[in-house]
Each structure stands twice: as structure tokens, then as C-alpha cells.
Amino acid sequence: MISFSLLRPFGMLIFCFCTTSAAASAATSDLSTTVARIKRSVVGVGTFLKTRSPATVFNGTGFVVGDGLSVITNAHVVPDTLDTEKNETLGVVIGRGASVEFRRATVVALDRAHDLAHLRMDGVPLPALILGDSAGAVEGQELAFTGFPLGMVLGLHPATHRALLSAITPIVLPSLSSRTLDARMITQLQRTPFLIFQLDGTVYPGNSGSPVYDPASGAVLAVINMTFVKGLKENAISHPSGISYAIPAAYVHDLLQRKSP
């Protein structure tokens, strides 16, 4: 009897440990399979000028949707002006490592209020990502994002990070004092407020425009946004650590219905 009572809890402990390990292994396997698909649809966004060194300047990340020629990124990734006299061109960078290809792209529509841009690239279509229902996202949900945090410094190498959906919060929180308001925050407060995703994950400027997706299905639920939101919610923090923000995919759906900037 004594032997049985001692072995039973021990056996239960081993069973629970194995079950947890198996679940973790399955989740890792799901993400690995999903990442392989996601990477084919993630591109760099920048400009090309033949007489410049380097000729290609990287501004941020984008991802392919729709018919394989539409690219979604952040509006702040798209330059306001180009040096047309020297034939500077907006476009996307595809490929891996040092073997990259620059494709010309045009702006189809801009949504500056939500910092999103819809580009249309030339050439052969790429595999497209599926836009999910961001309204169904819940706090505590596991997510992942893939982009180019180091740009093209070491070549074009997409990096993937896990992130927890920490909170769904207003883009601008009411200020306790008028002294903490700046012109940008006042402008945002005058617009229709909207919710954004706060993520438990560190992003870098090169990640701007990266797709945030469900690790199992690969459905895109948001778009990484750092610079735009940082200026509104983290004025007092010059180098945020482990906290980032993303624009829900619902606004991408709306953007794709627009026809001009």
C-alpha cells in the first residue's frame, strides 16, 4: 500500500510532464511549418537609384496579399518624395541573403490615420498571405511576426519572433495634463479613436510593416507598427524593451478597397 501511494503521484507527475512537452513540441512544429510559408510572402520595401551607393535603400518590411502583386506595409515606410530627376524608384526587394531582386512598385492607396500603405509591384506574382479576422483576436493569444529587423545590413534574411497579445488598447490614452500633449497627440485625439494590439515582443525599425499572424494557420491578424505608435504612447521612453504595437488587420481590409492615395 505504501509503495502504491508513492508511485501513483510520481506516475501522475511524469504523465503531466510528458503531455506538456508533447504540446510544446507540437506548437513548435506548427510554427516551423507556418514560417516556411510566411517567408515566401515577406518582402523588403525601399527605393532604388542606380547612381547611389548602395543603389538599394531599405526602409521597412512588407507582405504580399490578394493576387500576389499587392504589398501591405506601413505608410511611414513609403517615402514622401522621390528624386525623379535621377530616376529614383519605389519598389520591393525579394530574394534571400545576397541574392536579391528589386521590383518597381507604385502606391495604390495610403491610410495615414492607421499608418498603412498598399503597393502594387511589377513582375510575377508571389505567394499571398491570408488576412484573418482581427476582431476575433483575444488578449493572451500567442502570435508570431516575421520581418527584417536588421534590414539589408547582412543581406535579406527574414527573422521570426513569437509574441503574446498582451493587450488591446486605444492608440492614444487620455493625458493627465495638457503639458504632456504635443501637436501629434492632439491631432490623433481629434480623429476617430481606434484600438491597437500591444505585443510582448521587441521589434526594430526594420520590422515596420511585418505581418503578425497566428502560428498555426498563418492568418495575418495585424501589421507591426513601431515608429508611428511609439511617438504617441511612449514619448518618455527612448528605447522600449519588450513592448511593441501592431495595427489590426481590419484596417488592411478597408485599405484594399481604396483605389488611390
C-alpha atoms as a PDB file:
ATOM      1  CA  MET A   1       0.000   0.000   0.000  1.00  0.00           C
ATOM      2  CA  ILE A   2       2.790   2.373   0.822  1.00  0.00           C
ATOM      3  CA  SER A   3       4.545   1.615  -2.458  1.00  0.00           C
ATOM      4  CA  PHE A   4       1.337   2.211  -4.446  1.00  0.00           C
ATOM      5  CA  SER A   5       0.591   5.564  -2.782  1.00  0.00           C
ATOM      6  CA  LEU A   6       4.113   6.791  -3.504  1.00  0.00           C
ATOM      7  CA  LEU A   7       4.211   5.629  -7.100  1.00  0.00           C
ATOM      8  CA  ARG A   8       0.815   6.994  -8.072  1.00  0.00           C
ATOM      9  CA  PRO A   9       1.641  10.724  -7.596  1.00  0.00           C
ATOM     10  CA  PHE A  10       5.030  10.103  -9.196  1.00  0.00           C
ATOM     11  CA  GLY A  11       3.368   8.496 -12.181  1.00  0.00           C
ATOM     12  CA  MET A  12       0.917  11.382 -12.499  1.00  0.00           C
ATOM     13  CA  LEU A  13       3.795  13.869 -12.438  1.00  0.00           C
ATOM     14  CA  ILE A  14       5.594  12.048 -15.247  1.00  0.00           C
ATOM     15  CA  PHE A  15       2.389  11.871 -17.271  1.00  0.00           C
ATOM     16  CA  CYS A  16       1.733  15.604 -16.935  1.00  0.00           C
ATOM     17  CA  PHE A  17       5.318  16.460 -17.840  1.00  0.00           C
ATOM     18  CA  CYS A  18       5.217  14.325 -20.970  1.00  0.00           C
ATOM     19  CA  THR A  19       1.882  15.780 -22.030  1.00  0.00           C
ATOM     20  CA  THR A  20       3.176  19.343 -21.643  1.00  0.00           C
ATOM     21  CA  SER A  21       6.345  18.508 -23.559  1.00  0.00           C
ATOM     22  CA  ALA A  22       4.337  16.954 -26.362  1.00  0.00           C
ATOM     23  CA  ALA A  23       2.112  20.034 -26.620  1.00  0.00           C
ATOM     24  CA  ALA A  24       5.125  22.343 -26.733  1.00  0.00           C
ATOM     25  CA  SER A  25       6.721  20.195 -29.409  1.00  0.00           C
ATOM     26  CA  ALA A  26       3.538  20.267 -31.494  1.00  0.00           C
ATOM     27  CA  ALA A  27       3.303  24.064 -31.206  1.00  0.00           C
ATOM     28  CA  THR A  28       6.923  24.438 -32.318  1.00  0.00           C
ATOM     29  CA  SER A  29       6.277  22.120 -35.256  1.00  0.00           C
ATOM     30  CA  ASP A  30       3.221  24.170 -36.280  1.00  0.00           C
ATOM     31  CA  LEU A  31       5.197  27.417 -36.229  1.00  0.00           C
ATOM     32  CA  SER A  32       8.107  25.901 -38.159  1.00  0.00           C
ATOM     33  CA  THR A  33       5.757  24.781 -40.913  1.00  0.00           C
ATOM     34  CA  THR A  34       3.973  28.140 -40.945  1.00  0.00           C
ATOM     35  CA  VAL A  35       7.190  30.176 -41.050  1.00  0.00           C
ATOM     36  CA  ALA A  36       8.345  28.303 -44.147  1.00  0.00           C
ATOM     37  CA  ARG A  37       5.184  29.524 -45.911  1.00  0.00           C
ATOM     38  CA  ILE A  38       5.210  33.044 -44.462  1.00  0.00           C
ATOM     39  CA  LYS A  39       8.802  33.774 -45.530  1.00  0.00           C
ATOM     40  CA  ARG A  40       7.930  33.352 -49.205  1.00  0.00           C
ATOM     41  CA  SER A  41       5.472  36.249 -48.919  1.00  0.00           C
ATOM     42  CA  VAL A  42       7.572  38.698 -46.885  1.00  0.00           C
ATOM     43  CA  VAL A  43       9.466  41.367 -48.835  1.00  0.00           C
ATOM     44  CA  GLY A  44      11.607  44.401 -48.205  1.00  0.00           C
ATOM     45  CA  VAL A  45      10.333  47.862 -49.119  1.00  0.00           C
ATOM     46  CA  GLY A  46      12.633  50.644 -50.241  1.00  0.00           C
ATOM     47  CA  THR A  47      13.961  52.682 -53.132  1.00  0.00           C
ATOM     48  CA  PHE A  48      16.448  52.112 -55.948  1.00  0.00           C
ATOM     49  CA  LEU A  49      18.780  54.664 -57.501  1.00  0.00           C
ATOM     50  CA  LYS A  50      21.409  53.317 -59.883  1.00  0.00           C
ATOM     51  CA  THR A  51      23.934  56.088 -59.259  1.00  0.00           C
ATOM     52  CA  ARG A  52      23.695  55.784 -55.468  1.00  0.00           C
ATOM     53  CA  SER A  53      25.844  53.611 -53.211  1.00  0.00           C
ATOM     54  CA  PRO A  54      24.245  51.420 -52.108  1.00  0.00           C
ATOM     55  CA  ALA A  55      21.807  51.576 -55.004  1.00  0.00           C
ATOM     56  CA  THR A  56      19.015  49.998 -52.944  1.00  0.00           C
ATOM     57  CA  VAL A  57      17.953  51.682 -49.701  1.00  0.00           C
ATOM     58  CA  PHE A  58      15.866  49.565 -47.322  1.00  0.00           C
ATOM     59  CA  ASN A  59      13.018  51.313 -45.474  1.00  0.00           C
ATOM     60  CA  GLY A  60      10.993  48.507 -43.922  1.00  0.00           C
ATOM     61  CA  THR A  61       9.146  45.233 -44.348  1.00  0.00           C
ATOM     62  CA  GLY A  62       6.047  44.381 -46.359  1.00  0.00           C
ATOM     63  CA  PHE A  63       3.999  41.291 -47.157  1.00  0.00           C
ATOM     64  CA  VAL A  64       2.100  40.056 -50.192  1.00  0.00           C
ATOM     65  CA  VAL A  65      -1.697  39.652 -50.246  1.00  0.00           C
ATOM     66  CA  GLY A  66      -4.514  39.290 -52.756  1.00  0.00           C
ATOM     67  CA  ASP A  67      -3.452  38.174 -56.233  1.00  0.00           C
ATOM     68  CA  GLY A  68       0.230  38.054 -55.310  1.00  0.00           C
ATOM     69  CA  LEU A  69       1.129  41.534 -56.600  1.00  0.00           C
ATOM     70  CA  SER A  70      -0.333  43.644 -53.773  1.00  0.00           C
ATOM     71  CA  VAL A  71       2.017  44.511 -50.913  1.00  0.00           C
ATOM     72  CA  ILE A  72       0.998  45.854 -47.492  1.00  0.00           C
ATOM     73  CA  THR A  73       3.400  47.901 -45.384  1.00  0.00           C
ATOM     74  CA  ASN A  74       3.393  50.957 -43.095  1.00  0.00           C
ATOM     75  CA  ALA A  75       2.698  54.367 -44.616  1.00  0.00           C
ATOM     76  CA  HIS A  76       5.782  55.752 -42.875  1.00  0.00           C
ATOM     77  CA  VAL A  77       7.909  53.212 -44.763  1.00  0.00           C
ATOM     78  CA  VAL A  78       6.914  54.823 -48.081  1.00  0.00           C
ATOM     79  CA  PRO A  79       8.983  57.971 -48.795  1.00  0.00           C
ATOM     80  CA  ASP A  80       7.026  61.188 -49.257  1.00  0.00           C
ATOM     81  CA  THR A  81       9.116  62.173 -52.280  1.00  0.00           C
ATOM     82  CA  LEU A  82      11.468  60.520 -54.764  1.00  0.00           C
ATOM     83  CA  ASP A  83      14.365  62.015 -56.697  1.00  0.00           C
ATOM     84  CA  THR A  84      12.615  61.762 -60.049  1.00  0.00           C
ATOM     85  CA  GLU A  85      15.322  63.744 -61.840  1.00  0.00           C
ATOM     86  CA  LYS A  86      17.759  60.936 -61.084  1.00  0.00           C
ATOM     87  CA  ASN A  87      15.137  58.197 -61.642  1.00  0.00           C
ATOM     88  CA  GLU A  88      14.871  57.069 -58.038  1.00  0.00           C
ATOM     89  CA  THR A  89      12.262  54.303 -57.913  1.00  0.00           C
ATOM     90  CA  LEU A  90       9.996  52.957 -55.172  1.00  0.00           C
ATOM     91  CA  GLY A  91       9.825  49.188 -55.009  1.00  0.00           C
ATOM     92  CA  VAL A  92      10.140  45.925 -53.139  1.00  0.00           C
ATOM     93  CA  VAL A  93      13.136  43.692 -52.576  1.00  0.00           C
ATOM     94  CA  ILE A  94      12.677  39.936 -52.832  1.00  0.00           C
ATOM     95  CA  GLY A  95      15.063  37.013 -52.531  1.00  0.00           C
ATOM     96  CA  ARG A  96      17.272  35.685 -49.778  1.00  0.00           C
ATOM     97  CA  GLY A  97      20.695  36.624 -48.485  1.00  0.00           C
ATOM     98  CA  ALA A  98      22.832  38.492 -51.002  1.00  0.00           C
ATOM     99  CA  SER A  99      20.782  37.187 -53.928  1.00  0.00           C
ATOM    100  CA  VAL A 100      18.043  39.802 -54.147  1.00  0.00           C
ATOM    101  CA  GLU A 101      15.859  41.324 -56.823  1.00  0.00           C
ATOM    102  CA  PHE A 102      14.401  44.830 -56.829  1.00  0.00           C
ATOM    103  CA  ARG A 103      10.952  45.239 -58.373  1.00  0.00           C
ATOM    104  CA  ARG A 104       9.339  48.549 -59.149  1.00  0.00           C
ATOM    105  CA  ALA A 105       6.153  49.305 -57.217  1.00  0.00           C
ATOM    106  CA  THR A 106       3.527  52.027 -57.223  1.00  0.00           C
ATOM    107  CA  VAL A 107       1.365  53.351 -54.411  1.00  0.00           C
ATOM    108  CA  VAL A 108      -2.255  52.246 -54.774  1.00  0.00           C
ATOM    109  CA  ALA A 109      -3.570  53.705 -51.522  1.00  0.00           C
ATOM    110  CA  LEU A 110      -2.399  55.237 -48.257  1.00  0.00           C
ATOM    111  CA  ASP A 111      -4.130  55.245 -44.885  1.00  0.00           C
ATOM    112  CA  ARG A 112      -2.085  57.685 -42.845  1.00  0.00           C
ATOM    113  CA  ALA A 113      -4.513  57.610 -39.924  1.00  0.00           C
ATOM    114  CA  HIS A 114      -3.671  53.928 -39.370  1.00  0.00           C
ATOM    115  CA  ASP A 115      -0.182  54.173 -40.925  1.00  0.00           C
ATOM    116  CA  LEU A 116      -0.832  51.616 -43.673  1.00  0.00           C
ATOM    117  CA  ALA A 117       0.109  51.541 -47.347  1.00  0.00           C
ATOM    118  CA  HIS A 118      -0.984  49.381 -50.278  1.00  0.00           C
ATOM    119  CA  LEU A 119       1.640  48.989 -53.002  1.00  0.00           C
ATOM    120  CA  ARG A 120       1.374  47.265 -56.375  1.00  0.00           C
ATOM    121  CA  MET A 121       4.569  45.600 -57.596  1.00  0.00           C
ATOM    122  CA  ASP A 122       5.640  44.627 -61.104  1.00  0.00           C
ATOM    123  CA  GLY A 123       6.568  41.124 -62.228  1.00  0.00           C
ATOM    124  CA  VAL A 124       5.443  37.607 -61.449  1.00  0.00           C
ATOM    125  CA  PRO A 125       3.032  37.150 -58.519  1.00  0.00           C
ATOM    126  CA  LEU A 126       4.359  35.827 -55.207  1.00  0.00           C
ATOM    127  CA  PRO A 127       2.518  33.521 -52.775  1.00  0.00           C
ATOM    128  CA  ALA A 128      -0.049  35.636 -50.915  1.00  0.00           C
ATOM    129  CA  LEU A 129      -0.843  35.608 -47.214  1.00  0.00           C
ATOM    130  CA  ILE A 130      -4.404  35.289 -45.956  1.00  0.00           C
ATOM    131  CA  LEU A 131      -5.850  38.179 -43.955  1.00  0.00           C
ATOM    132  CA  GLY A 132      -7.570  36.920 -40.813  1.00  0.00           C
ATOM    133  CA  ASP A 133     -10.326  38.364 -38.642  1.00  0.00           C
ATOM    134  CA  SER A 134      -8.551  40.653 -36.185  1.00  0.00           C
ATOM    135  CA  ALA A 135     -11.832  41.249 -34.354  1.00  0.00           C
ATOM    136  CA  GLY A 136     -11.605  37.680 -33.101  1.00  0.00           C
ATOM    137  CA  ALA A 137      -8.158  38.162 -31.532  1.00  0.00           C
ATOM    138  CA  VAL A 138      -8.071  37.867 -27.724  1.00  0.00           C
ATOM    139  CA  GLU A 139      -5.647  39.012 -25.073  1.00  0.00           C
ATOM    140  CA  GLY A 140      -3.268  36.237 -24.077  1.00  0.00           C
ATOM    141  CA  GLN A 141      -3.233  34.795 -27.585  1.00  0.00           C
ATOM    142  CA  GLU A 142       0.080  33.515 -28.969  1.00  0.00           C
ATOM    143  CA  LEU A 143       1.201  35.258 -32.164  1.00  0.00           C
ATOM    144  CA  ALA A 144       4.312  35.476 -34.331  1.00  0.00           C
ATOM    145  CA  PHE A 145       5.770  38.058 -36.698  1.00  0.00           C
ATOM    146  CA  THR A 146       8.332  37.814 -39.499  1.00  0.00           C
ATOM    147  CA  GLY A 147      10.336  40.666 -40.978  1.00  0.00           C
ATOM    148  CA  PHE A 148      13.758  42.227 -41.445  1.00  0.00           C
ATOM    149  CA  PRO A 149      14.876  43.806 -38.143  1.00  0.00           C
ATOM    150  CA  LEU A 150      18.387  44.432 -39.496  1.00  0.00           C
ATOM    151  CA  GLY A 151      17.282  45.497 -42.943  1.00  0.00           C
ATOM    152  CA  MET A 152      19.849  44.536 -45.577  1.00  0.00           C
ATOM    153  CA  VAL A 153      22.914  45.014 -43.381  1.00  0.00           C
ATOM    154  CA  LEU A 154      23.673  41.290 -43.504  1.00  0.00           C
ATOM    155  CA  GLY A 155      21.697  40.546 -46.631  1.00  0.00           C
ATOM    156  CA  LEU A 156      17.974  39.900 -46.833  1.00  0.00           C
ATOM    157  CA  HIS A 157      17.325  37.379 -44.051  1.00  0.00           C
ATOM    158  CA  PRO A 158      13.786  37.278 -42.596  1.00  0.00           C
ATOM    159  CA  ALA A 159      13.641  36.751 -38.831  1.00  0.00           C
ATOM    160  CA  THR A 160      10.675  35.343 -36.918  1.00  0.00           C
ATOM    161  CA  HIS A 161       9.731  36.100 -33.307  1.00  0.00           C
ATOM    162  CA  ARG A 162       6.956  34.868 -31.052  1.00  0.00           C
ATOM    163  CA  ALA A 163       4.787  37.455 -29.315  1.00  0.00           C
ATOM    164  CA  LEU A 164       1.959  37.379 -26.823  1.00  0.00           C
ATOM    165  CA  LEU A 165      -1.047  39.619 -27.433  1.00  0.00           C
ATOM    166  CA  SER A 166      -0.659  41.475 -24.136  1.00  0.00           C
ATOM    167  CA  ALA A 167      -3.472  43.965 -24.533  1.00  0.00           C
ATOM    168  CA  ILE A 168      -5.902  45.529 -26.976  1.00  0.00           C
ATOM    169  CA  THR A 169      -5.664  49.225 -26.167  1.00  0.00           C
ATOM    170  CA  PRO A 170      -6.591  52.673 -27.533  1.00  0.00           C
ATOM    171  CA  ILE A 171      -3.901  54.219 -29.716  1.00  0.00           C
ATOM    172  CA  VAL A 172      -3.790  57.323 -27.502  1.00  0.00           C
ATOM    173  CA  LEU A 173      -4.545  57.263 -23.808  1.00  0.00           C
ATOM    174  CA  PRO A 174      -6.080  60.445 -22.317  1.00  0.00           C
ATOM    175  CA  SER A 175      -3.372  62.708 -20.986  1.00  0.00           C
ATOM    176  CA  LEU A 176      -3.435  63.688 -17.332  1.00  0.00           C
ATOM    177  CA  SER A 177      -2.017  67.103 -18.110  1.00  0.00           C
ATOM    178  CA  SER A 178      -2.045  69.419 -21.128  1.00  0.00           C
ATOM    179  CA  ARG A 179       1.697  69.813 -20.624  1.00  0.00           C
ATOM    180  CA  THR A 180       2.233  66.210 -21.777  1.00  0.00           C
ATOM    181  CA  LEU A 181       0.335  66.733 -25.042  1.00  0.00           C
ATOM    182  CA  ASP A 182       2.181  67.511 -28.250  1.00  0.00           C
ATOM    183  CA  ALA A 183       0.813  68.508 -31.673  1.00  0.00           C
ATOM    184  CA  ARG A 184       0.818  64.947 -32.960  1.00  0.00           C
ATOM    185  CA  MET A 185      -1.116  63.590 -29.989  1.00  0.00           C
ATOM    186  CA  ILE A 186      -3.680  66.396 -30.255  1.00  0.00           C
ATOM    187  CA  THR A 187      -4.197  65.590 -33.946  1.00  0.00           C
ATOM    188  CA  GLN A 188      -4.738  61.931 -33.129  1.00  0.00           C
ATOM    189  CA  LEU A 189      -7.197  62.730 -30.348  1.00  0.00           C
ATOM    190  CA  GLN A 190      -9.268  64.749 -32.819  1.00  0.00           C
ATOM    191  CA  ARG A 191      -9.634  61.731 -35.095  1.00  0.00           C
ATOM    192  CA  THR A 192     -11.878  58.743 -34.525  1.00  0.00           C
ATOM    193  CA  PRO A 193     -10.112  56.650 -31.849  1.00  0.00           C
ATOM    194  CA  PHE A 194      -9.237  53.062 -32.642  1.00  0.00           C
ATOM    195  CA  LEU A 195      -7.730  50.061 -30.885  1.00  0.00           C
ATOM    196  CA  ILE A 196      -4.306  48.589 -31.489  1.00  0.00           C
ATOM    197  CA  PHE A 197      -2.559  45.407 -30.388  1.00  0.00           C
ATOM    198  CA  GLN A 198       0.105  45.648 -27.694  1.00  0.00           C
ATOM    199  CA  LEU A 199       2.559  42.790 -28.054  1.00  0.00           C
ATOM    200  CA  ASP A 200       5.010  41.211 -25.650  1.00  0.00           C
ATOM    201  CA  GLY A 201       7.858  41.228 -28.143  1.00  0.00           C
ATOM    202  CA  THR A 202      10.688  43.548 -29.164  1.00  0.00           C
ATOM    203  CA  VAL A 203      10.680  44.984 -32.676  1.00  0.00           C
ATOM    204  CA  TYR A 204      13.130  47.235 -34.501  1.00  0.00           C
ATOM    205  CA  PRO A 205      12.661  49.894 -37.213  1.00  0.00           C
ATOM    206  CA  GLY A 206      13.278  47.339 -39.978  1.00  0.00           C
ATOM    207  CA  ASN A 207      10.310  45.329 -38.665  1.00  0.00           C
ATOM    208  CA  SER A 208       7.875  48.109 -39.556  1.00  0.00           C
ATOM    209  CA  GLY A 209       5.266  46.582 -41.869  1.00  0.00           C
ATOM    210  CA  SER A 210       5.871  42.976 -40.769  1.00  0.00           C
ATOM    211  CA  PRO A 211       2.862  40.626 -40.721  1.00  0.00           C
ATOM    212  CA  VAL A 212       1.657  39.478 -37.296  1.00  0.00           C
ATOM    213  CA  TYR A 213      -0.002  36.097 -37.668  1.00  0.00           C
ATOM    214  CA  ASP A 214      -1.482  33.047 -35.997  1.00  0.00           C
ATOM    215  CA  PRO A 215       1.354  30.498 -35.577  1.00  0.00           C
ATOM    216  CA  ALA A 216      -0.841  27.550 -36.580  1.00  0.00           C
ATOM    217  CA  SER A 217      -2.827  28.893 -39.544  1.00  0.00           C
ATOM    218  CA  GLY A 218      -0.594  31.731 -40.750  1.00  0.00           C
ATOM    219  CA  ALA A 219      -3.601  34.083 -40.994  1.00  0.00           C
ATOM    220  CA  VAL A 220      -2.423  37.702 -40.662  1.00  0.00           C
ATOM    221  CA  LEU A 221      -4.108  39.471 -37.747  1.00  0.00           C
ATOM    222  CA  ALA A 222      -2.099  42.709 -37.599  1.00  0.00           C
ATOM    223  CA  VAL A 223       0.772  44.743 -39.043  1.00  0.00           C
ATOM    224  CA  ILE A 224       3.787  45.652 -36.905  1.00  0.00           C
ATOM    225  CA  ASN A 225       3.995  49.370 -36.302  1.00  0.00           C
ATOM    226  CA  MET A 226       6.653  50.892 -34.140  1.00  0.00           C
ATOM    227  CA  THR A 227       7.647  54.432 -35.085  1.00  0.00           C
ATOM    228  CA  PHE A 228       4.116  55.789 -35.554  1.00  0.00           C
ATOM    229  CA  VAL A 229       2.705  54.457 -32.284  1.00  0.00           C
ATOM    230  CA  LYS A 230       5.874  54.988 -30.291  1.00  0.00           C
ATOM    231  CA  GLY A 231       5.544  58.722 -30.848  1.00  0.00           C
ATOM    232  CA  LEU A 232       2.042  58.660 -29.395  1.00  0.00           C
ATOM    233  CA  LYS A 233       2.255  56.273 -26.448  1.00  0.00           C
ATOM    234  CA  GLU A 234       5.905  56.188 -25.453  1.00  0.00           C
ATOM    235  CA  ASN A 235       7.220  59.736 -25.706  1.00  0.00           C
ATOM    236  CA  ALA A 236       9.018  59.308 -22.395  1.00  0.00           C
ATOM    237  CA  ILE A 237      10.760  56.086 -23.402  1.00  0.00           C
ATOM    238  CA  SER A 238      13.509  56.446 -25.976  1.00  0.00           C
ATOM    239  CA  HIS A 239      14.292  52.728 -26.205  1.00  0.00           C
ATOM    240  CA  PRO A 240      11.291  50.496 -25.396  1.00  0.00           C
ATOM    241  CA  SER A 241      12.141  46.950 -24.391  1.00  0.00           C
ATOM    242  CA  GLY A 242       9.831  44.024 -24.968  1.00  0.00           C
ATOM    243  CA  ILE A 243       6.769  46.149 -25.822  1.00  0.00           C
ATOM    244  CA  SER A 244       5.595  46.753 -29.366  1.00  0.00           C
ATOM    245  CA  TYR A 245       2.418  47.658 -31.198  1.00  0.00           C
ATOM    246  CA  ALA A 246       0.552  46.442 -34.266  1.00  0.00           C
ATOM    247  CA  ILE A 247      -2.338  47.757 -36.355  1.00  0.00           C
ATOM    248  CA  PRO A 248      -5.252  45.263 -36.580  1.00  0.00           C
ATOM    249  CA  ALA A 249      -5.832  43.619 -39.977  1.00  0.00           C
ATOM    250  CA  ALA A 250      -9.367  45.035 -40.120  1.00  0.00           C
ATOM    251  CA  TYR A 251      -7.827  48.284 -41.364  1.00  0.00           C
ATOM    252  CA  VAL A 252      -5.898  46.403 -44.055  1.00  0.00           C
ATOM    253  CA  HIS A 253      -9.201  45.004 -45.330  1.00  0.00           C
ATOM    254  CA  ASP A 254     -10.522  48.575 -45.539  1.00  0.00           C
ATOM    255  CA  LEU A 255      -7.364  49.843 -47.254  1.00  0.00           C
ATOM    256  CA  LEU A 256      -7.602  47.228 -50.003  1.00  0.00           C
ATOM    257  CA  GLN A 257     -10.959  48.713 -51.014  1.00  0.00           C
ATOM    258  CA  ARG A 258      -9.375  52.103 -51.751  1.00  0.00           C
ATOM    259  CA  LYS A 259      -8.207  52.958 -55.268  1.00  0.00           C
ATOM    260  CA  SER A 260      -5.923  55.964 -54.858  1.00  0.00           C
ATOM    261  CA  PRO A 261      -3.732  57.642 -52.218  1.00  0.00           C
END
